[in-house]
Amino acid sequence: MDAKYEIMPENGERIVYVRPVNIEDLPEEIRPQVEGIKRLFAVHDADGERLALVRGRRLAFALARQNDLSPVSVH
């Protein structure tokens, strides 16, 4: 099931996806910047491009909303 979803639904919302990211899954050059943290949250656009990495899920949702984006959790 490879369903493609619209980035801009009829109501005009731009959707971004928020998902947890384990530190060991990050590129080597980023890991030293996040020592002591076990998990971050990534905000991705509909094409899968990472737009941001933040410490908490609530912060990821707030960041998205501040930028007129509609966040959706991805597990």
N, C-alpha and C. Protein backbone atom coordinates (compact mmCIF):
# COMPACT_ATOMS: atom_id res chain seq x y z
N MET A 1 0.84 -1.18 0.00
CA MET A 1 0.00 0.00 0.00
C MET A 1 0.88 1.24 0.00
N ASP A 2 1.15 1.75 -1.14
CA ASP A 2 1.96 2.95 -1.29
C ASP A 2 1.07 4.13 -1.61
N ALA A 3 0.22 4.49 -0.67
CA ALA A 3 -0.69 5.61 -0.89
C ALA A 3 0.08 6.92 -0.75
N LYS A 4 -0.14 7.83 -1.66
CA LYS A 4 0.48 9.15 -1.59
C LYS A 4 -0.57 10.14 -1.10
N TYR A 5 -0.23 10.90 -0.10
CA TYR A 5 -1.16 11.84 0.49
C TYR A 5 -0.82 13.26 0.06
N GLU A 6 -1.83 14.06 -0.05
CA GLU A 6 -1.65 15.46 -0.43
C GLU A 6 -0.95 16.24 0.67
N ILE A 7 -0.02 17.08 0.29
CA ILE A 7 0.66 17.95 1.25
C ILE A 7 -0.29 19.03 1.73
N MET A 8 -1.10 19.53 0.85
CA MET A 8 -2.04 20.59 1.19
C MET A 8 -3.46 20.04 1.07
N PRO A 9 -4.03 19.54 2.17
CA PRO A 9 -5.41 19.09 2.10
C PRO A 9 -6.33 20.23 1.70
N GLU A 10 -7.58 19.92 1.44
CA GLU A 10 -8.54 20.93 0.98
C GLU A 10 -8.66 22.11 1.93
N ASN A 11 -8.43 21.88 3.23
CA ASN A 11 -8.55 22.99 4.18
C ASN A 11 -7.31 23.87 4.20
N GLY A 12 -6.30 23.59 3.36
CA GLY A 12 -5.13 24.45 3.24
C GLY A 12 -4.02 24.17 4.23
N GLU A 13 -4.17 23.16 5.08
CA GLU A 13 -3.13 22.85 6.06
C GLU A 13 -1.93 22.21 5.38
N ARG A 14 -0.75 22.58 5.85
CA ARG A 14 0.48 21.94 5.39
C ARG A 14 0.91 20.98 6.49
N ILE A 15 0.97 19.71 6.18
CA ILE A 15 1.25 18.68 7.17
C ILE A 15 2.75 18.40 7.25
N VAL A 16 3.24 18.25 8.48
CA VAL A 16 4.59 17.76 8.73
C VAL A 16 4.47 16.58 9.68
N TYR A 17 5.47 15.74 9.66
CA TYR A 17 5.45 14.52 10.46
C TYR A 17 6.49 14.60 11.56
N VAL A 18 6.09 14.22 12.76
CA VAL A 18 6.97 14.24 13.93
C VAL A 18 7.22 12.80 14.34
N ARG A 19 8.50 12.46 14.47
CA ARG A 19 8.82 11.10 14.89
C ARG A 19 10.03 11.09 15.81
N PRO A 20 10.08 10.11 16.71
CA PRO A 20 11.25 9.99 17.59
C PRO A 20 12.45 9.48 16.80
N VAL A 21 13.63 9.94 17.20
CA VAL A 21 14.88 9.53 16.56
C VAL A 21 15.86 9.15 17.66
N ASN A 22 16.37 7.93 17.62
CA ASN A 22 17.41 7.53 18.56
C ASN A 22 18.74 8.16 18.15
N ILE A 23 19.52 8.55 19.13
CA ILE A 23 20.79 9.23 18.85
C ILE A 23 21.70 8.38 17.97
N GLU A 24 21.72 7.06 18.20
CA GLU A 24 22.60 6.20 17.40
C GLU A 24 22.20 6.15 15.93
N ASP A 25 21.01 6.63 15.59
CA ASP A 25 20.57 6.67 14.20
C ASP A 25 20.95 7.97 13.49
N LEU A 26 21.53 8.90 14.23
CA LEU A 26 21.94 10.18 13.65
C LEU A 26 23.32 10.06 12.99
N PRO A 27 23.62 10.94 12.05
CA PRO A 27 24.97 10.94 11.46
C PRO A 27 26.04 11.19 12.53
N GLU A 28 27.20 10.62 12.31
CA GLU A 28 28.32 10.72 13.26
C GLU A 28 28.64 12.17 13.66
N GLU A 29 28.58 13.10 12.70
CA GLU A 29 28.97 14.49 13.00
C GLU A 29 27.98 15.21 13.92
N ILE A 30 26.78 14.70 14.05
CA ILE A 30 25.78 15.33 14.92
C ILE A 30 25.84 14.79 16.35
N ARG A 31 26.21 13.54 16.51
CA ARG A 31 26.19 12.87 17.82
C ARG A 31 26.91 13.61 18.93
N PRO A 32 28.11 14.17 18.71
CA PRO A 32 28.79 14.88 19.81
C PRO A 32 28.01 16.09 20.34
N GLN A 33 27.13 16.65 19.52
CA GLN A 33 26.35 17.82 19.92
C GLN A 33 25.19 17.47 20.84
N VAL A 34 24.86 16.18 20.94
CA VAL A 34 23.71 15.76 21.72
C VAL A 34 24.09 14.76 22.82
N GLU A 35 25.30 14.87 23.33
CA GLU A 35 25.76 13.96 24.39
C GLU A 35 24.82 14.03 25.58
N GLY A 36 24.53 12.86 26.15
CA GLY A 36 23.67 12.79 27.31
C GLY A 36 22.19 12.70 26.99
N ILE A 37 21.84 12.81 25.73
CA ILE A 37 20.44 12.72 25.31
C ILE A 37 20.27 11.38 24.61
N LYS A 38 19.19 10.67 24.91
CA LYS A 38 18.96 9.36 24.30
C LYS A 38 18.08 9.42 23.06
N ARG A 39 17.18 10.43 23.03
CA ARG A 39 16.25 10.50 21.91
C ARG A 39 15.90 11.95 21.61
N LEU A 40 15.79 12.24 20.33
CA LEU A 40 15.31 13.54 19.85
C LEU A 40 14.04 13.30 19.05
N PHE A 41 13.43 14.39 18.63
CA PHE A 41 12.26 14.29 17.76
C PHE A 41 12.55 15.06 16.49
N ALA A 42 12.24 14.42 15.37
CA ALA A 42 12.48 15.02 14.06
C ALA A 42 11.16 15.48 13.47
N VAL A 43 11.22 16.60 12.77
CA VAL A 43 10.08 17.13 12.03
C VAL A 43 10.44 16.97 10.55
N HIS A 44 9.59 16.24 9.80
CA HIS A 44 9.84 15.96 8.39
C HIS A 44 8.71 16.51 7.53
N ASP A 45 9.06 16.94 6.33
CA ASP A 45 8.01 17.35 5.39
C ASP A 45 7.43 16.12 4.70
N ALA A 46 6.48 16.30 3.82
CA ALA A 46 5.79 15.19 3.18
C ALA A 46 6.71 14.36 2.28
N ASP A 47 7.82 14.94 1.84
CA ASP A 47 8.78 14.21 1.01
C ASP A 47 9.81 13.46 1.84
N GLY A 48 9.74 13.60 3.17
CA GLY A 48 10.67 12.91 4.05
C GLY A 48 11.90 13.71 4.42
N GLU A 49 12.01 14.94 3.92
CA GLU A 49 13.16 15.77 4.26
C GLU A 49 13.06 16.23 5.71
N ARG A 50 14.16 16.06 6.45
CA ARG A 50 14.18 16.49 7.85
C ARG A 50 14.29 18.01 7.90
N LEU A 51 13.32 18.62 8.56
CA LEU A 51 13.30 20.07 8.70
C LEU A 51 13.92 20.54 10.00
N ALA A 52 13.79 19.71 11.06
CA ALA A 52 14.29 20.11 12.37
C ALA A 52 14.49 18.89 13.25
N LEU A 53 15.41 19.04 14.22
CA LEU A 53 15.59 18.09 15.30
C LEU A 53 15.46 18.86 16.60
N VAL A 54 14.62 18.37 17.51
CA VAL A 54 14.42 19.05 18.78
C VAL A 54 14.39 18.04 19.91
N ARG A 55 14.49 18.53 21.15
CA ARG A 55 14.57 17.66 22.32
C ARG A 55 13.29 16.93 22.66
N GLY A 56 12.16 17.53 22.48
CA GLY A 56 10.93 16.92 22.94
C GLY A 56 9.82 16.96 21.92
N ARG A 57 8.87 16.04 22.09
CA ARG A 57 7.73 15.94 21.20
C ARG A 57 6.88 17.21 21.25
N ARG A 58 6.65 17.71 22.46
CA ARG A 58 5.85 18.94 22.60
C ARG A 58 6.51 20.11 21.88
N LEU A 59 7.83 20.19 21.99
CA LEU A 59 8.57 21.26 21.31
C LEU A 59 8.45 21.11 19.79
N ALA A 60 8.51 19.89 19.29
CA ALA A 60 8.37 19.65 17.85
C ALA A 60 7.00 20.12 17.35
N PHE A 61 5.96 19.80 18.12
CA PHE A 61 4.61 20.23 17.73
C PHE A 61 4.48 21.76 17.80
N ALA A 62 5.04 22.35 18.84
CA ALA A 62 4.98 23.81 18.97
C ALA A 62 5.73 24.50 17.83
N LEU A 63 6.90 23.99 17.50
CA LEU A 63 7.70 24.54 16.40
C LEU A 63 6.93 24.48 15.09
N ALA A 64 6.29 23.34 14.83
CA ALA A 64 5.51 23.19 13.60
C ALA A 64 4.38 24.20 13.56
N ARG A 65 3.64 24.31 14.64
CA ARG A 65 2.49 25.23 14.67
C ARG A 65 2.92 26.68 14.55
N GLN A 66 4.08 27.04 15.14
CA GLN A 66 4.57 28.41 15.02
C GLN A 66 4.91 28.77 13.58
N ASN A 67 5.15 27.74 12.77
CA ASN A 67 5.49 27.96 11.37
C ASN A 67 4.32 27.62 10.44
N ASP A 68 3.11 27.69 11.01
CA ASP A 68 1.88 27.45 10.25
C ASP A 68 1.83 26.09 9.57
N LEU A 69 2.37 25.08 10.28
CA LEU A 69 2.35 23.70 9.80
C LEU A 69 1.47 22.88 10.72
N SER A 70 0.91 21.80 10.22
CA SER A 70 0.06 20.92 11.02
C SER A 70 0.83 19.63 11.32
N PRO A 71 1.28 19.45 12.57
CA PRO A 71 2.06 18.27 12.91
C PRO A 71 1.20 17.02 13.11
N VAL A 72 1.76 15.88 12.69
CA VAL A 72 1.14 14.58 12.84
C VAL A 72 2.21 13.64 13.36
N SER A 73 1.88 12.83 14.37
CA SER A 73 2.83 11.86 14.92
C SER A 73 3.01 10.68 13.98
N VAL A 74 4.26 10.22 13.90
CA VAL A 74 4.59 9.01 13.17
C VAL A 74 5.32 8.10 14.14
N HIS A 75 4.96 6.84 14.18
CA HIS A 75 5.59 5.92 15.13
C HIS A 75 6.63 5.08 14.45
